[in-house]
Amino acid sequence: MQNVVIRAIERLDFRTKEAYKTLRTNLSFAGKNVKVISLTSCTPNEGKTSVSFQLCLSLAESGKQTILVDADLRKSGLSHYLSGQVELDDACCRTNVNNFDIIFAGPVPPNPSELLGGDAFRNMLEVLRMKYDYVIVDTPPLGSVIDAAIVGAICDGTVIVVESGAISYKFVQNVKE
């Protein structure tokens, strides 16, 4: 497993930090079998990657072994592993934050939906489920492409990140459906 140093972690104000702790607590009350959580949004740039990262930090801070999987294959993703070019252990990176690992980006593949819907991704999530307390999967916006629905179908739950004041209630409802 490779090592990665996270040099700058955004300092959050008290309210924001408490919001992540609340999300973390809500996940823990969802049940011990709810371990693999996807995060999506309605449109790009709503903050889902920031929320995914901060949620992982909060979970790791509480002593939970956590891994963040970047499954936005249209921007990046775990394409080397899913296409069989590397082993899972080679795709995982240990960070300098205790209890926090990441699977980073690879090159953009020509077939993101097919890779995410394939057996390799499903099997990878099962392996990670056994190894980690939480697997947080950062997916593309559901309002833009179908990838998040494919990933969400094999996760234990999905969180939709919505930018306050920018996205209409009706649009969020349509994306949720």
Protein backbone atom coordinates (compact mmCIF):
# COMPACT_ATOMS: atom_id res chain seq x y z
CA MET A 1 0.00 0.00 0.00
CA GLN A 2 1.33 3.41 -0.96
CA ASN A 3 1.65 6.25 1.54
CA VAL A 4 0.18 9.70 0.90
CA VAL A 5 0.68 12.83 2.99
CA ILE A 6 -2.28 15.16 3.32
CA ARG A 7 -0.55 18.48 3.85
CA ALA A 8 -3.39 20.92 4.31
CA ILE A 9 -6.62 20.03 6.04
CA GLU A 10 -9.16 22.82 6.03
CA ARG A 11 -9.81 24.19 9.51
CA LEU A 12 -13.53 24.18 10.09
CA ASP A 13 -15.49 26.49 12.35
CA PHE A 14 -17.29 24.97 15.33
CA ARG A 15 -20.71 24.73 13.66
CA THR A 16 -19.36 23.04 10.54
CA LYS A 17 -17.34 20.57 12.58
CA GLU A 18 -20.44 19.78 14.66
CA ALA A 19 -22.44 19.22 11.46
CA TYR A 20 -19.96 16.54 10.36
CA LYS A 21 -20.08 14.96 13.82
CA THR A 22 -23.89 14.90 13.54
CA LEU A 23 -23.68 13.20 10.15
CA ARG A 24 -21.18 10.72 11.58
CA THR A 25 -23.46 10.01 14.54
CA ASN A 26 -26.49 9.58 12.28
CA LEU A 27 -24.56 7.01 10.24
CA SER A 28 -23.66 5.10 13.40
CA PHE A 29 -27.33 5.00 14.41
CA ALA A 30 -28.30 3.68 10.97
CA GLY A 31 -27.09 0.25 12.11
CA LYS A 32 -23.89 -1.74 12.25
CA ASN A 33 -24.52 -3.21 8.80
CA VAL A 34 -24.59 0.23 7.16
CA LYS A 35 -20.93 0.54 6.27
CA VAL A 36 -20.72 1.38 2.57
CA ILE A 37 -22.15 4.84 1.88
CA SER A 38 -22.18 6.65 -1.44
CA LEU A 39 -22.31 10.43 -1.68
CA THR A 40 -23.72 12.21 -4.69
CA SER A 41 -25.26 15.54 -5.61
CA CYS A 42 -27.65 16.96 -8.17
CA THR A 43 -25.12 18.99 -10.14
CA PRO A 44 -21.34 19.39 -10.27
CA ASN A 45 -19.58 21.63 -7.73
CA GLU A 46 -22.13 21.33 -4.91
CA GLY A 47 -19.49 20.17 -2.46
CA LYS A 48 -19.97 16.40 -2.35
CA THR A 49 -16.24 15.69 -2.56
CA SER A 50 -15.55 18.11 0.30
CA VAL A 51 -18.34 16.52 2.35
CA SER A 52 -17.02 13.04 1.53
CA PHE A 53 -13.51 14.02 2.63
CA GLN A 54 -14.60 15.79 5.82
CA LEU A 55 -16.95 12.91 6.72
CA CYS A 56 -14.05 10.49 6.37
CA LEU A 57 -11.88 12.69 8.58
CA SER A 58 -14.63 12.83 11.20
CA LEU A 59 -15.10 9.04 11.13
CA ALA A 60 -11.34 8.44 11.33
CA GLU A 61 -11.06 10.95 14.18
CA SER A 62 -13.60 8.89 16.13
CA GLY A 63 -11.41 5.79 15.74
CA LYS A 64 -13.25 4.19 12.80
CA GLN A 65 -11.13 2.62 10.06
CA THR A 66 -12.31 4.55 7.01
CA ILE A 67 -11.55 4.59 3.30
CA LEU A 68 -12.62 7.15 0.72
CA VAL A 69 -13.18 5.75 -2.77
CA ASP A 70 -13.16 8.27 -5.61
CA ALA A 71 -15.70 6.70 -7.97
CA ASP A 72 -16.13 9.72 -10.21
CA LEU A 73 -14.60 7.93 -13.18
CA ARG A 74 -15.62 10.71 -15.54
CA LYS A 75 -13.17 13.03 -13.80
CA SER A 76 -10.87 10.40 -12.43
CA GLY A 77 -11.54 7.24 -10.48
CA LEU A 78 -10.23 3.82 -9.65
CA SER A 79 -10.02 2.77 -13.28
CA HIS A 80 -6.64 1.01 -12.99
CA TYR A 81 -8.04 -1.47 -10.46
CA LEU A 82 -11.39 -1.96 -12.18
CA SER A 83 -9.74 -2.59 -15.53
CA GLY A 84 -7.44 -5.20 -13.97
CA GLN A 85 -4.19 -3.26 -14.33
CA VAL A 86 -3.33 -3.24 -10.60
CA GLU A 87 -4.28 -5.19 -7.49
CA LEU A 88 -6.56 -3.60 -4.89
CA ASP A 89 -3.74 -3.16 -2.38
CA ASP A 90 -1.79 -1.21 -5.01
CA ALA A 91 -4.77 1.08 -5.61
CA CYS A 92 -5.19 1.91 -1.90
CA CYS A 93 -3.16 4.68 -0.27
CA ARG A 94 -2.54 5.05 3.45
CA THR A 95 -2.64 8.68 4.59
CA ASN A 96 -0.86 10.43 7.43
CA VAL A 97 -4.27 10.69 9.15
CA ASN A 98 -4.81 7.74 11.49
CA ASN A 99 -7.56 5.35 10.33
CA PHE A 100 -7.97 7.07 6.94
CA ASP A 101 -7.06 5.53 3.58
CA ILE A 102 -7.95 6.67 0.06
CA ILE A 103 -8.32 5.09 -3.36
CA PHE A 104 -7.30 7.88 -5.71
CA ALA A 105 -7.82 8.72 -9.33
CA GLY A 106 -6.67 6.92 -12.41
CA PRO A 107 -7.07 7.81 -16.06
CA VAL A 108 -10.56 8.47 -17.39
CA PRO A 109 -11.84 5.23 -18.99
CA PRO A 110 -14.03 5.10 -22.09
CA ASN A 111 -16.73 3.16 -20.21
CA PRO A 112 -17.24 4.48 -16.64
CA SER A 113 -20.77 3.12 -16.14
CA GLU A 114 -19.78 -0.37 -17.28
CA LEU A 115 -16.76 -0.46 -14.94
CA LEU A 116 -18.84 0.68 -11.96
CA GLY A 117 -21.58 -1.82 -12.77
CA GLY A 118 -19.14 -4.70 -13.16
CA ASP A 119 -18.17 -7.49 -10.81
CA ALA A 120 -14.77 -5.95 -10.02
CA PHE A 121 -16.36 -2.91 -8.35
CA ARG A 122 -18.93 -4.99 -6.46
CA ASN A 123 -16.21 -7.40 -5.28
CA MET A 124 -13.95 -4.52 -4.28
CA LEU A 125 -16.67 -3.02 -2.09
CA GLU A 126 -17.17 -6.40 -0.38
CA VAL A 127 -13.44 -6.67 0.36
CA LEU A 128 -13.35 -3.10 1.68
CA ARG A 129 -16.48 -3.77 3.78
CA MET A 130 -14.60 -6.53 5.62
CA LYS A 131 -11.44 -4.46 6.09
CA TYR A 132 -12.90 -1.06 7.10
CA ASP A 133 -15.53 0.21 9.49
CA TYR A 134 -16.76 2.66 6.82
CA VAL A 135 -16.36 2.88 3.06
CA ILE A 136 -17.32 6.31 1.71
CA VAL A 137 -17.81 6.34 -2.06
CA ASP A 138 -17.66 9.75 -3.76
CA THR A 139 -19.71 9.48 -6.97
CA PRO A 140 -20.55 11.83 -9.86
CA PRO A 141 -23.64 14.05 -9.64
CA LEU A 142 -26.79 11.98 -10.11
CA GLY A 143 -28.45 14.86 -11.93
CA SER A 144 -25.80 14.62 -14.66
CA VAL A 145 -24.98 10.92 -15.25
CA ILE A 146 -26.29 7.52 -14.14
CA ASP A 147 -23.07 6.35 -12.39
CA ALA A 148 -24.22 7.32 -8.89
CA ALA A 149 -27.40 5.23 -9.26
CA ILE A 150 -25.33 2.22 -10.31
CA VAL A 151 -23.02 2.64 -7.31
CA GLY A 152 -25.87 3.48 -4.92
CA ALA A 153 -27.64 0.23 -5.79
CA ILE A 154 -24.77 -1.79 -4.30
CA CYS A 155 -24.09 0.47 -1.30
CA ASP A 156 -25.89 0.35 2.04
CA GLY A 157 -27.09 3.93 1.69
CA THR A 158 -26.67 7.18 -0.19
CA VAL A 159 -26.29 10.77 0.98
CA ILE A 160 -27.33 13.51 -1.45
CA VAL A 161 -25.33 16.70 -0.91
CA VAL A 162 -27.36 19.79 -1.84
CA GLU A 163 -25.90 23.28 -2.12
CA SER A 164 -28.04 25.61 -0.04
CA GLY A 165 -29.87 28.24 -2.04
CA ALA A 166 -28.65 26.91 -5.40
CA ILE A 167 -30.75 23.81 -6.08
CA SER A 168 -34.53 23.70 -6.12
CA TYR A 169 -36.47 21.33 -3.89
CA LYS A 170 -38.23 19.90 -6.95
CA PHE A 171 -34.92 19.10 -8.67
CA VAL A 172 -33.64 17.33 -5.56
CA GLN A 173 -36.87 15.29 -5.40
CA ASN A 174 -36.51 14.32 -9.07
CA VAL A 175 -32.90 13.26 -8.53
CA LYS A 176 -33.89 11.29 -5.44
CA GLU A 177 -36.59 9.42 -7.37
